[in-house]
């Protein structure tokens, strides 16, 4: 397996800095592993991520999925020349979670010059599937980005 990351020395601290002061930090998303072709993060199931019935909010699962896929896409291109932006995300909620952590793993299904498609699988601490998501990401040249 070859490493897909543009920065071959990518580490968890690099990823943590990306989440400072934004949605990932607010929801308590923590990066836990970088593989050659995947990223893994966990998110608590608590007052920040639950809906009124005490279950993991489906929107929180989508935030975890989009965070994983978007960061994966961005880290696999030269960010001095390109930017990765989400175009479409879908999620199938398979099982509920009430406490502890959910763990998401993102892997690319397609990495083209202008689009990426990432699959994100979210499991509970017993490794039971909670949600499966797919994220389509546009890869834009930095000069194409509106100000």
N, C-alpha and C. Protein backbone atom coordinates (compact mmCIF):
# COMPACT_ATOMS: atom_id res chain seq x y z
N UNK A 1 0.84 -1.18 0.00
CA UNK A 1 0.00 0.00 0.00
C UNK A 1 0.89 1.24 0.00
N UNK A 2 0.62 2.14 -0.92
CA UNK A 2 1.38 3.37 -0.95
C UNK A 2 0.69 4.44 -0.10
N UNK A 3 1.47 5.39 0.34
CA UNK A 3 0.96 6.49 1.15
C UNK A 3 0.38 7.54 0.21
N UNK A 4 -0.85 7.98 0.50
CA UNK A 4 -1.51 8.94 -0.38
C UNK A 4 -1.35 10.39 0.07
N UNK A 5 -0.76 10.62 1.22
CA UNK A 5 -0.68 11.98 1.78
C UNK A 5 0.39 12.79 1.06
N UNK A 6 0.03 14.03 0.70
CA UNK A 6 0.99 14.90 0.03
C UNK A 6 2.21 15.14 0.92
N UNK A 7 1.95 15.44 2.20
CA UNK A 7 3.01 15.59 3.19
C UNK A 7 3.27 14.21 3.78
N UNK A 8 4.36 13.59 3.39
CA UNK A 8 4.67 12.23 3.81
C UNK A 8 4.90 12.11 5.32
N UNK A 9 5.13 13.24 6.00
CA UNK A 9 5.33 13.19 7.45
C UNK A 9 4.09 13.70 8.20
N UNK A 10 2.93 13.63 7.57
CA UNK A 10 1.67 14.03 8.20
C UNK A 10 1.51 13.32 9.54
N UNK A 11 1.11 14.09 10.56
CA UNK A 11 0.94 13.47 11.88
C UNK A 11 -0.33 13.99 12.55
N UNK A 12 -0.69 13.39 13.67
CA UNK A 12 -1.93 13.73 14.36
C UNK A 12 -1.96 15.18 14.83
N UNK A 13 -0.82 15.74 15.21
CA UNK A 13 -0.78 17.15 15.62
C UNK A 13 -1.16 18.06 14.45
N UNK A 14 -0.72 17.72 13.24
CA UNK A 14 -1.09 18.51 12.05
C UNK A 14 -2.61 18.54 11.90
N UNK A 15 -3.24 17.39 12.07
CA UNK A 15 -4.69 17.30 11.91
C UNK A 15 -5.42 18.02 13.03
N UNK A 16 -4.92 17.90 14.24
CA UNK A 16 -5.55 18.57 15.38
C UNK A 16 -5.56 20.08 15.19
N UNK A 17 -4.48 20.63 14.65
CA UNK A 17 -4.42 22.08 14.41
C UNK A 17 -5.51 22.53 13.43
N UNK A 18 -5.85 21.68 12.46
CA UNK A 18 -6.89 22.04 11.49
C UNK A 18 -8.26 22.23 12.15
N UNK A 19 -8.49 21.53 13.25
CA UNK A 19 -9.80 21.60 13.91
C UNK A 19 -9.91 22.65 14.99
N UNK A 20 -8.82 23.34 15.29
CA UNK A 20 -8.84 24.33 16.37
C UNK A 20 -9.79 25.48 16.05
N UNK A 21 -10.70 25.74 16.97
CA UNK A 21 -11.59 26.88 16.84
C UNK A 21 -12.73 26.70 15.86
N UNK A 22 -13.01 25.48 15.44
CA UNK A 22 -14.13 25.29 14.51
C UNK A 22 -15.02 24.13 14.97
N UNK A 23 -15.89 23.66 14.10
CA UNK A 23 -16.89 22.65 14.45
C UNK A 23 -16.27 21.40 15.06
N UNK A 24 -15.15 20.94 14.51
CA UNK A 24 -14.51 19.72 15.02
C UNK A 24 -14.15 19.87 16.50
N UNK A 25 -13.57 20.98 16.85
CA UNK A 25 -13.22 21.22 18.26
C UNK A 25 -14.49 21.32 19.12
N UNK A 26 -15.49 22.03 18.63
CA UNK A 26 -16.73 22.21 19.39
C UNK A 26 -17.39 20.87 19.72
N UNK A 27 -17.36 19.92 18.78
CA UNK A 27 -18.00 18.62 19.01
C UNK A 27 -17.07 17.61 19.68
N UNK A 28 -15.83 17.99 19.93
CA UNK A 28 -14.90 17.10 20.62
C UNK A 28 -14.28 16.03 19.73
N UNK A 29 -14.22 16.28 18.42
CA UNK A 29 -13.63 15.31 17.51
C UNK A 29 -12.12 15.25 17.75
N UNK A 30 -11.61 14.04 17.92
CA UNK A 30 -10.18 13.81 18.16
C UNK A 30 -9.63 12.88 17.09
N UNK A 31 -8.50 13.27 16.53
CA UNK A 31 -7.82 12.42 15.54
C UNK A 31 -7.10 11.32 16.29
N UNK A 32 -7.25 10.07 15.82
CA UNK A 32 -6.63 8.96 16.54
C UNK A 32 -5.65 8.14 15.71
N UNK A 33 -5.77 8.16 14.37
CA UNK A 33 -4.85 7.34 13.57
C UNK A 33 -4.76 7.84 12.14
N UNK A 34 -3.54 7.74 11.61
CA UNK A 34 -3.28 8.02 10.20
C UNK A 34 -2.65 6.77 9.61
N UNK A 35 -3.29 6.21 8.60
CA UNK A 35 -2.72 5.08 7.88
C UNK A 35 -2.22 5.56 6.53
N UNK A 36 -1.70 4.67 5.74
CA UNK A 36 -1.20 5.03 4.43
C UNK A 36 -2.27 5.57 3.51
N UNK A 37 -3.52 5.08 3.69
CA UNK A 37 -4.62 5.53 2.83
C UNK A 37 -5.92 5.74 3.62
N UNK A 38 -5.81 5.99 4.92
CA UNK A 38 -7.03 6.27 5.70
C UNK A 38 -6.72 7.21 6.85
N UNK A 39 -7.78 7.86 7.33
CA UNK A 39 -7.73 8.68 8.53
C UNK A 39 -8.80 8.16 9.48
N UNK A 40 -8.52 8.25 10.79
CA UNK A 40 -9.48 7.80 11.80
C UNK A 40 -9.57 8.86 12.89
N UNK A 41 -10.81 9.13 13.31
CA UNK A 41 -11.06 10.07 14.40
C UNK A 41 -12.22 9.55 15.22
N UNK A 42 -12.30 10.04 16.45
CA UNK A 42 -13.41 9.65 17.30
C UNK A 42 -14.15 10.90 17.78
N UNK A 43 -15.40 10.69 18.17
CA UNK A 43 -16.24 11.78 18.65
C UNK A 43 -17.06 11.27 19.83
N UNK A 44 -17.15 12.07 20.89
CA UNK A 44 -17.94 11.62 22.03
C UNK A 44 -19.44 11.66 21.72
N UNK A 45 -20.16 10.75 22.34
CA UNK A 45 -21.62 10.81 22.32
C UNK A 45 -22.00 11.42 23.66
N UNK A 46 -22.26 12.72 23.66
CA UNK A 46 -22.57 13.45 24.89
C UNK A 46 -23.54 14.58 24.59
N UNK A 47 -23.65 15.54 25.49
CA UNK A 47 -24.61 16.64 25.34
C UNK A 47 -24.40 17.45 24.05
N UNK A 48 -23.18 17.46 23.51
CA UNK A 48 -22.90 18.22 22.29
C UNK A 48 -23.36 17.49 21.04
N UNK A 49 -23.45 16.18 21.09
CA UNK A 49 -23.67 15.39 19.88
C UNK A 49 -24.95 14.56 19.93
N UNK A 50 -25.76 14.72 20.97
CA UNK A 50 -26.98 13.93 21.11
C UNK A 50 -28.21 14.75 20.72
N UNK A 51 -29.26 14.04 20.33
CA UNK A 51 -30.55 14.67 20.09
C UNK A 51 -31.40 14.51 21.35
N UNK A 52 -32.61 15.10 21.40
CA UNK A 52 -33.40 15.12 22.64
C UNK A 52 -33.71 13.75 23.25
N UNK A 53 -33.70 12.67 22.46
CA UNK A 53 -33.99 11.34 23.00
C UNK A 53 -32.76 10.68 23.60
N UNK A 54 -31.63 11.37 23.61
CA UNK A 54 -30.41 10.82 24.18
C UNK A 54 -29.59 9.98 23.23
N UNK A 55 -29.99 9.96 21.96
CA UNK A 55 -29.26 9.20 20.94
C UNK A 55 -28.30 10.11 20.20
N UNK A 56 -27.27 9.53 19.61
CA UNK A 56 -26.36 10.29 18.76
C UNK A 56 -27.17 10.97 17.66
N UNK A 57 -26.99 12.25 17.50
CA UNK A 57 -27.69 13.03 16.47
C UNK A 57 -27.12 12.67 15.11
N UNK A 58 -27.99 12.39 14.15
CA UNK A 58 -27.52 12.05 12.80
C UNK A 58 -26.67 13.15 12.19
N UNK A 59 -26.99 14.40 12.50
CA UNK A 59 -26.19 15.51 11.99
C UNK A 59 -24.77 15.50 12.54
N UNK A 60 -24.62 15.05 13.78
CA UNK A 60 -23.27 14.96 14.36
C UNK A 60 -22.46 13.89 13.62
N UNK A 61 -23.11 12.78 13.27
CA UNK A 61 -22.42 11.75 12.48
C UNK A 61 -21.98 12.32 11.14
N UNK A 62 -22.83 13.13 10.52
CA UNK A 62 -22.48 13.73 9.23
C UNK A 62 -21.32 14.71 9.40
N UNK A 63 -21.29 15.46 10.50
CA UNK A 63 -20.16 16.36 10.75
C UNK A 63 -18.87 15.55 10.86
N UNK A 64 -18.90 14.45 11.61
CA UNK A 64 -17.72 13.61 11.73
C UNK A 64 -17.30 13.09 10.36
N UNK A 65 -18.27 12.60 9.59
CA UNK A 65 -17.96 12.06 8.26
C UNK A 65 -17.37 13.13 7.34
N UNK A 66 -17.99 14.30 7.30
CA UNK A 66 -17.49 15.35 6.40
C UNK A 66 -16.13 15.85 6.85
N UNK A 67 -15.91 15.91 8.14
CA UNK A 67 -14.60 16.32 8.65
C UNK A 67 -13.53 15.32 8.19
N UNK A 68 -13.79 14.05 8.37
CA UNK A 68 -12.82 13.03 7.97
C UNK A 68 -12.55 13.05 6.47
N UNK A 69 -13.60 13.06 5.67
CA UNK A 69 -13.43 13.01 4.22
C UNK A 69 -12.81 14.26 3.65
N UNK A 70 -13.23 15.42 4.13
CA UNK A 70 -12.67 16.68 3.63
C UNK A 70 -11.20 16.83 3.98
N UNK A 71 -10.87 16.48 5.21
CA UNK A 71 -9.46 16.56 5.61
C UNK A 71 -8.64 15.52 4.84
N UNK A 72 -9.19 14.33 4.66
CA UNK A 72 -8.48 13.32 3.87
C UNK A 72 -8.18 13.81 2.47
N UNK A 73 -9.19 14.38 1.82
CA UNK A 73 -8.99 14.90 0.47
C UNK A 73 -7.95 16.02 0.47
N UNK A 74 -8.07 16.94 1.41
CA UNK A 74 -7.13 18.07 1.47
C UNK A 74 -5.70 17.61 1.71
N UNK A 75 -5.52 16.62 2.58
CA UNK A 75 -4.17 16.18 2.92
C UNK A 75 -3.54 15.34 1.80
N UNK A 76 -4.34 14.93 0.83
CA UNK A 76 -3.78 14.14 -0.26
C UNK A 76 -3.46 14.98 -1.50
N UNK A 77 -3.62 16.30 -1.39
CA UNK A 77 -3.24 17.20 -2.48
C UNK A 77 -2.29 18.26 -1.93
N UNK A 78 -1.67 19.00 -2.83
CA UNK A 78 -0.77 20.10 -2.44
C UNK A 78 -1.64 21.30 -2.06
N UNK A 79 -1.78 21.55 -0.76
CA UNK A 79 -2.67 22.61 -0.29
C UNK A 79 -2.15 24.02 -0.57
N UNK A 80 -0.92 24.12 -1.04
CA UNK A 80 -0.46 25.45 -1.46
C UNK A 80 -1.02 25.80 -2.84
N UNK A 81 -1.48 24.79 -3.59
CA UNK A 81 -2.02 24.99 -4.93
C UNK A 81 -3.51 24.66 -5.04
N UNK A 82 -4.01 23.79 -4.15
CA UNK A 82 -5.38 23.31 -4.27
C UNK A 82 -6.11 23.39 -2.93
N UNK A 83 -7.44 23.42 -3.04
CA UNK A 83 -8.30 23.41 -1.86
C UNK A 83 -9.37 22.34 -2.09
N UNK A 84 -9.68 21.60 -1.05
CA UNK A 84 -10.71 20.56 -1.12
C UNK A 84 -11.97 21.08 -0.44
N UNK A 85 -13.10 21.07 -1.17
CA UNK A 85 -14.36 21.54 -0.61
C UNK A 85 -15.45 20.51 -0.87
N UNK A 86 -16.27 20.27 0.14
CA UNK A 86 -17.35 19.31 0.01
C UNK A 86 -18.39 19.76 -1.00
N UNK A 87 -18.88 18.81 -1.79
CA UNK A 87 -19.91 19.07 -2.79
C UNK A 87 -21.21 18.36 -2.40
N UNK A 88 -21.09 17.13 -1.93
CA UNK A 88 -22.27 16.35 -1.58
C UNK A 88 -21.87 15.35 -0.50
N UNK A 89 -22.75 15.18 0.48
CA UNK A 89 -22.53 14.19 1.52
C UNK A 89 -23.85 13.45 1.73
N UNK A 90 -23.76 12.15 1.91
CA UNK A 90 -24.94 11.38 2.28
C UNK A 90 -24.56 10.46 3.43
N UNK A 91 -25.57 10.04 4.15
CA UNK A 91 -25.32 9.18 5.30
C UNK A 91 -26.49 8.24 5.52
N UNK A 92 -26.19 7.01 5.80
CA UNK A 92 -27.19 6.03 6.21
C UNK A 92 -26.92 5.71 7.67
N UNK A 93 -27.90 5.99 8.50
CA UNK A 93 -27.78 5.74 9.93
C UNK A 93 -28.29 4.33 10.20
N UNK A 94 -27.41 3.47 10.64
CA UNK A 94 -27.67 2.04 10.77
C UNK A 94 -28.11 1.66 12.18
N UNK A 95 -27.44 2.22 13.17
CA UNK A 95 -27.66 1.84 14.56
C UNK A 95 -27.46 3.07 15.43
N UNK A 96 -28.15 3.12 16.55
CA UNK A 96 -28.00 4.27 17.45
C UNK A 96 -26.81 4.07 18.40
N UNK A 97 -26.37 5.17 18.96
CA UNK A 97 -25.36 5.16 20.02
C UNK A 97 -25.86 6.10 21.10
N UNK A 98 -25.66 5.74 22.36
CA UNK A 98 -26.17 6.54 23.48
C UNK A 98 -25.08 7.14 24.36
N UNK A 99 -23.88 6.58 24.30
CA UNK A 99 -22.80 7.08 25.16
C UNK A 99 -21.46 6.62 24.61
N UNK A 100 -20.42 7.00 25.29
CA UNK A 100 -19.07 6.61 24.88
C UNK A 100 -18.60 7.41 23.68
N UNK A 101 -17.97 6.73 22.76
CA UNK A 101 -17.43 7.36 21.55
C UNK A 101 -17.89 6.60 20.32
N UNK A 102 -17.98 7.33 19.21
CA UNK A 102 -18.08 6.69 17.90
C UNK A 102 -16.77 6.98 17.19
N UNK A 103 -16.35 6.05 16.35
CA UNK A 103 -15.06 6.14 15.67
C UNK A 103 -15.31 6.08 14.17
N UNK A 104 -14.81 7.09 13.46
CA UNK A 104 -14.99 7.14 12.01
C UNK A 104 -13.68 6.86 11.30
N UNK A 105 -13.77 6.12 10.20
CA UNK A 105 -12.61 5.83 9.36
C UNK A 105 -12.96 6.24 7.93
N UNK A 106 -12.12 7.07 7.35
CA UNK A 106 -12.32 7.56 5.98
C UNK A 106 -11.27 6.98 5.06
N UNK A 107 -11.74 6.47 3.91
CA UNK A 107 -10.85 5.95 2.86
C UNK A 107 -11.37 6.46 1.52
N UNK A 108 -10.46 6.75 0.61
CA UNK A 108 -10.91 7.22 -0.70
C UNK A 108 -11.43 6.07 -1.56
N UNK A 109 -12.52 6.35 -2.26
CA UNK A 109 -13.01 5.43 -3.29
C UNK A 109 -12.50 5.87 -4.66
N UNK A 110 -12.29 7.19 -4.79
CA UNK A 110 -11.81 7.77 -6.05
C UNK A 110 -11.04 9.05 -5.72
N UNK A 111 -9.86 9.19 -6.30
CA UNK A 111 -9.07 10.41 -6.15
C UNK A 111 -8.66 10.88 -7.54
N UNK A 112 -9.49 11.75 -8.14
CA UNK A 112 -9.20 12.29 -9.45
C UNK A 112 -8.59 13.68 -9.33
N UNK A 113 -8.31 14.28 -10.47
CA UNK A 113 -7.71 15.61 -10.49
C UNK A 113 -8.68 16.69 -10.01
N UNK A 114 -9.97 16.51 -10.26
CA UNK A 114 -10.93 17.56 -9.91
C UNK A 114 -11.97 17.13 -8.87
N UNK A 115 -12.11 15.84 -8.65
CA UNK A 115 -13.04 15.36 -7.62
C UNK A 115 -12.46 14.15 -6.90
N UNK A 116 -12.87 14.03 -5.66
CA UNK A 116 -12.58 12.85 -4.84
C UNK A 116 -13.90 12.33 -4.32
N UNK A 117 -13.98 11.03 -4.09
CA UNK A 117 -15.11 10.43 -3.40
C UNK A 117 -14.54 9.61 -2.25
N UNK A 118 -15.01 9.90 -1.04
CA UNK A 118 -14.52 9.24 0.16
C UNK A 118 -15.67 8.48 0.84
N UNK A 119 -15.37 7.29 1.34
CA UNK A 119 -16.31 6.53 2.14
C UNK A 119 -15.88 6.63 3.60
N UNK A 120 -16.87 6.90 4.45
CA UNK A 120 -16.60 7.03 5.87
C UNK A 120 -17.51 6.04 6.61
N UNK A 121 -16.90 5.18 7.38
CA UNK A 121 -17.64 4.21 8.19
C UNK A 121 -17.48 4.61 9.65
N UNK A 122 -18.61 4.74 10.34
CA UNK A 122 -18.61 5.13 11.74
C UNK A 122 -19.13 3.95 12.56
N UNK A 123 -18.35 3.56 13.56
CA UNK A 123 -18.70 2.43 14.42
C UNK A 123 -18.74 2.87 15.87
N UNK A 124 -19.38 2.06 16.71
CA UNK A 124 -19.35 2.33 18.14
C UNK A 124 -18.12 1.66 18.75
N UNK A 125 -18.00 1.74 20.06
CA UNK A 125 -16.82 1.18 20.72
C UNK A 125 -16.78 -0.34 20.69
N UNK A 126 -17.90 -0.98 20.33
CA UNK A 126 -17.93 -2.44 20.16
C UNK A 126 -17.74 -2.81 18.70
N UNK A 127 -17.36 -1.83 17.88
CA UNK A 127 -17.11 -2.00 16.44
C UNK A 127 -18.37 -2.33 15.65
N UNK A 128 -19.53 -1.99 16.19
CA UNK A 128 -20.79 -2.19 15.46
C UNK A 128 -21.04 -0.96 14.59
N UNK A 129 -21.45 -1.19 13.36
CA UNK A 129 -21.66 -0.10 12.41
C UNK A 129 -22.81 0.80 12.86
N UNK A 130 -22.52 2.09 12.96
CA UNK A 130 -23.50 3.10 13.34
C UNK A 130 -23.97 3.88 12.12
N UNK A 131 -23.05 4.21 11.24
CA UNK A 131 -23.37 5.05 10.08
C UNK A 131 -22.36 4.78 8.97
N UNK A 132 -22.83 4.80 7.74
CA UNK A 132 -21.94 4.76 6.60
C UNK A 132 -22.26 5.99 5.75
N UNK A 133 -21.23 6.67 5.32
CA UNK A 133 -21.39 7.94 4.61
C UNK A 133 -20.48 7.97 3.41
N UNK A 134 -20.89 8.77 2.43
CA UNK A 134 -20.04 9.00 1.25
C UNK A 134 -19.99 10.50 1.03
N UNK A 135 -18.79 10.99 0.77
CA UNK A 135 -18.56 12.42 0.57
C UNK A 135 -17.89 12.64 -0.78
N UNK A 136 -18.47 13.53 -1.57
CA UNK A 136 -17.86 13.96 -2.82
C UNK A 136 -17.22 15.32 -2.57
N UNK A 137 -15.96 15.45 -2.97
CA UNK A 137 -15.18 16.66 -2.71
C UNK A 137 -14.67 17.21 -4.04
N UNK A 138 -14.82 18.52 -4.22
CA UNK A 138 -14.23 19.19 -5.39
C UNK A 138 -12.82 19.62 -5.03
N UNK A 139 -11.89 19.41 -5.95
CA UNK A 139 -10.51 19.87 -5.78
C UNK A 139 -10.37 21.11 -6.67
N UNK A 140 -10.25 22.26 -6.02
CA UNK A 140 -10.19 23.53 -6.74
C UNK A 140 -8.78 24.10 -6.71
N UNK A 141 -8.38 24.70 -7.82
CA UNK A 141 -7.13 25.46 -7.82
C UNK A 141 -7.33 26.66 -6.93
N UNK A 142 -6.32 27.01 -6.18
CA UNK A 142 -6.45 28.16 -5.28
C UNK A 142 -6.83 29.43 -6.01
N UNK A 143 -6.46 29.56 -7.28
CA UNK A 143 -6.83 30.77 -8.04
C UNK A 143 -8.31 30.76 -8.41
N UNK A 144 -8.99 29.60 -8.34
CA UNK A 144 -10.41 29.49 -8.69
C UNK A 144 -11.33 29.79 -7.52
N UNK A 145 -10.78 29.99 -6.35
CA UNK A 145 -11.59 30.14 -5.16
C UNK A 145 -12.09 31.58 -5.05
N UNK A 146 -13.42 31.75 -5.01
CA UNK A 146 -13.96 33.12 -4.88
C UNK A 146 -13.57 33.74 -3.55
N UNK A 147 -13.40 35.04 -3.55
CA UNK A 147 -13.05 35.73 -2.30
C UNK A 147 -14.25 36.38 -1.68
